[in-house]
């Protein structure tokens, strides 16, 4: 499975790709959950709802052999929906609960509904560095920071570990 194949699959299910970041080699997350990854960010346009897009992404993952057996376990493909304009789902209170969930509980708890923006987006260089290629000025609707600002606040070693291919 290549990133090119997953991009083609997104187009095949009707998602219009407006921009694609460079491809990046990134350390596996969480550490030890498998080999290192290749990550990218894609800006899409669609008339679908966020949940419908997530369902399509999960269908593509399944078609390429992804089995969701363990949270943060090994995966052949991981397509995430990390933000949707300035939308906060399901609401600000629920979002805040997931945003402030202690790290030791993050591994044990998975939301049963779509949470947007992704509550760990601001902590993950492997998400933000590719995002900076396609949406550097996107502003987090809760934190109020742009992608560029969030990248600047990450530990330099985390950013340096995300290397263009």
Protein backbone atom coordinates (compact mmCIF):
# COMPACT_ATOMS: atom_id res chain seq x y z
CA UNK A 1 0.00 0.00 0.00
CA UNK A 2 1.42 3.34 -0.98
CA UNK A 3 0.28 6.85 -0.22
CA UNK A 4 -0.42 7.26 -3.91
CA UNK A 5 -2.81 4.31 -3.77
CA UNK A 6 -4.64 5.73 -0.75
CA UNK A 7 -4.94 9.12 -2.49
CA UNK A 8 -6.36 7.40 -5.57
CA UNK A 9 -8.84 5.52 -3.34
CA UNK A 10 -10.01 8.83 -1.84
CA UNK A 11 -10.63 10.22 -5.31
CA UNK A 12 -12.39 7.00 -6.34
CA UNK A 13 -14.93 7.39 -3.50
CA UNK A 14 -15.68 10.96 -4.57
CA UNK A 15 -13.46 13.12 -2.37
CA UNK A 16 -12.02 16.07 -4.26
CA UNK A 17 -8.37 16.56 -3.28
CA UNK A 18 -7.51 20.27 -3.32
CA UNK A 19 -3.92 19.98 -2.01
CA UNK A 20 -1.51 17.29 -0.89
CA UNK A 21 1.52 17.84 1.31
CA UNK A 22 4.93 16.40 0.69
CA UNK A 23 5.41 12.86 1.98
CA UNK A 24 7.26 12.59 5.28
CA UNK A 25 9.06 9.79 7.11
CA UNK A 26 7.82 9.85 10.70
CA UNK A 27 8.52 7.81 13.82
CA UNK A 28 5.89 5.23 14.70
CA UNK A 29 3.28 6.41 17.20
CA UNK A 30 3.11 5.27 19.83
CA UNK A 31 6.73 4.14 19.98
CA UNK A 32 7.01 0.38 19.54
CA UNK A 33 3.63 -0.06 17.83
CA UNK A 34 5.28 -1.03 14.55
CA UNK A 35 7.62 0.28 11.89
CA UNK A 36 8.02 3.97 11.17
CA UNK A 37 5.45 5.58 8.89
CA UNK A 38 5.07 7.72 5.85
CA UNK A 39 2.69 10.60 6.57
CA UNK A 40 1.04 13.28 4.49
CA UNK A 41 -1.81 15.74 4.81
CA UNK A 42 -4.58 16.18 2.28
CA UNK A 43 -6.99 19.08 1.93
CA UNK A 44 -10.31 17.83 0.57
CA UNK A 45 -13.52 19.35 -0.68
CA UNK A 46 -16.82 17.52 -0.42
CA UNK A 47 -20.52 17.98 0.14
CA UNK A 48 -20.51 15.06 2.59
CA UNK A 49 -20.76 15.39 6.36
CA UNK A 50 -17.65 14.90 8.49
CA UNK A 51 -19.01 11.55 9.73
CA UNK A 52 -19.67 10.38 6.17
CA UNK A 53 -16.08 11.29 5.21
CA UNK A 54 -14.72 9.42 8.24
CA UNK A 55 -16.81 6.39 7.28
CA UNK A 56 -15.33 6.52 3.76
CA UNK A 57 -11.80 6.75 5.17
CA UNK A 58 -12.43 3.74 7.40
CA UNK A 59 -13.81 1.83 4.41
CA UNK A 60 -10.64 2.60 2.43
CA UNK A 61 -8.51 1.45 5.37
CA UNK A 62 -10.47 -1.82 5.52
CA UNK A 63 -10.13 -2.38 1.76
CA UNK A 64 -6.36 -2.09 2.15
CA UNK A 65 -6.20 -4.59 5.01
CA UNK A 66 -6.56 -2.42 8.11
CA UNK A 67 -8.04 -4.22 11.09
CA UNK A 68 -9.01 -2.01 14.02
CA UNK A 69 -8.23 -4.60 16.70
CA UNK A 70 -6.31 -2.47 19.21
CA UNK A 71 -6.20 1.26 19.95
CA UNK A 72 -2.93 2.65 18.63
CA UNK A 73 -1.89 -0.84 17.52
CA UNK A 74 -0.03 -1.81 14.35
CA UNK A 75 -1.75 -0.61 11.22
CA UNK A 76 -1.23 -0.95 7.51
CA UNK A 77 -2.99 2.34 6.82
CA UNK A 78 -4.28 5.11 9.04
CA UNK A 79 -6.49 7.76 7.44
CA UNK A 80 -7.58 10.38 9.94
CA UNK A 81 -9.97 13.28 9.76
CA UNK A 82 -8.24 15.86 11.97
CA UNK A 83 -10.20 19.06 11.35
CA UNK A 84 -13.15 20.49 9.43
CA UNK A 85 -12.85 24.24 9.04
CA UNK A 86 -13.83 25.88 12.33
CA UNK A 87 -16.23 23.10 13.34
CA UNK A 88 -16.05 21.68 16.88
CA UNK A 89 -17.71 18.28 17.30
CA UNK A 90 -19.72 17.05 19.02
CA UNK A 91 -19.75 20.24 21.11
CA UNK A 92 -17.31 22.39 23.10
CA UNK A 93 -17.90 20.60 26.42
CA UNK A 94 -17.28 17.11 25.01
CA UNK A 95 -14.30 18.38 23.02
CA UNK A 96 -12.79 19.91 26.16
CA UNK A 97 -13.20 16.60 28.03
CA UNK A 98 -11.18 14.76 25.35
CA UNK A 99 -8.67 17.61 25.09
CA UNK A 100 -7.86 17.41 28.80
CA UNK A 101 -7.96 13.61 29.15
CA UNK A 102 -4.79 12.56 31.04
CA UNK A 103 -2.20 10.75 28.87
CA UNK A 104 -2.51 7.49 30.84
CA UNK A 105 -6.24 7.45 30.07
CA UNK A 106 -5.84 8.24 26.37
CA UNK A 107 -4.60 4.71 25.67
CA UNK A 108 -7.60 3.16 27.42
CA UNK A 109 -10.38 5.44 26.17
CA UNK A 110 -11.65 5.85 22.65
CA UNK A 111 -14.50 8.16 21.75
CA UNK A 112 -17.65 6.57 20.40
CA UNK A 113 -18.26 9.56 18.16
CA UNK A 114 -16.26 11.84 15.92
CA UNK A 115 -14.31 14.49 17.84
CA UNK A 116 -13.17 17.51 15.81
CA UNK A 117 -10.65 18.94 15.71
CA UNK A 118 -8.61 15.93 16.74
CA UNK A 119 -7.94 16.52 20.46
CA UNK A 120 -4.21 15.66 20.14
CA UNK A 121 -3.60 17.57 16.91
CA UNK A 122 -1.57 20.30 18.64
CA UNK A 123 0.76 17.72 20.23
CA UNK A 124 1.73 15.76 17.12
CA UNK A 125 4.49 16.86 14.79
CA UNK A 126 3.66 13.97 12.45
CA UNK A 127 0.27 15.63 11.85
CA UNK A 128 1.17 19.32 12.03
CA UNK A 129 4.32 19.34 9.88
CA UNK A 130 2.51 17.86 6.84
CA UNK A 131 -0.51 20.08 7.59
CA UNK A 132 1.75 23.12 7.37
CA UNK A 133 2.26 22.30 3.67
CA UNK A 134 -1.46 22.49 2.84
CA UNK A 135 -3.04 24.69 5.51
CA UNK A 136 -0.40 26.70 7.42
CA UNK A 137 -2.88 29.43 8.31
CA UNK A 138 -5.72 27.16 9.46
CA UNK A 139 -6.61 28.30 12.96
CA UNK A 140 -7.61 25.81 15.64
CA UNK A 141 -11.19 26.81 16.59
CA UNK A 142 -10.66 26.12 20.30
CA UNK A 143 -6.99 26.94 20.89
CA UNK A 144 -6.95 29.91 18.52
CA UNK A 145 -3.52 29.05 17.08
CA UNK A 146 -2.57 28.55 13.46
CA UNK A 147 -0.85 25.39 12.26
CA UNK A 148 2.37 27.40 11.93
CA UNK A 149 2.09 28.57 15.55
CA UNK A 150 1.37 25.05 16.83
CA UNK A 151 4.40 23.66 14.97
CA UNK A 152 6.56 26.39 16.52
CA UNK A 153 5.46 25.30 20.02
CA UNK A 154 6.38 21.64 19.54
CA UNK A 155 9.67 20.29 20.87
CA UNK A 156 12.31 20.87 18.15
CA UNK A 157 13.34 17.20 18.25
CA UNK A 158 9.77 16.14 17.43
CA UNK A 159 9.65 18.47 14.42
CA UNK A 160 13.12 17.38 13.26
CA UNK A 161 12.00 13.72 13.37
CA UNK A 162 9.43 14.42 10.62
CA UNK A 163 11.63 14.37 7.53
CA UNK A 164 10.58 14.97 3.92
CA UNK A 165 11.04 12.03 1.56
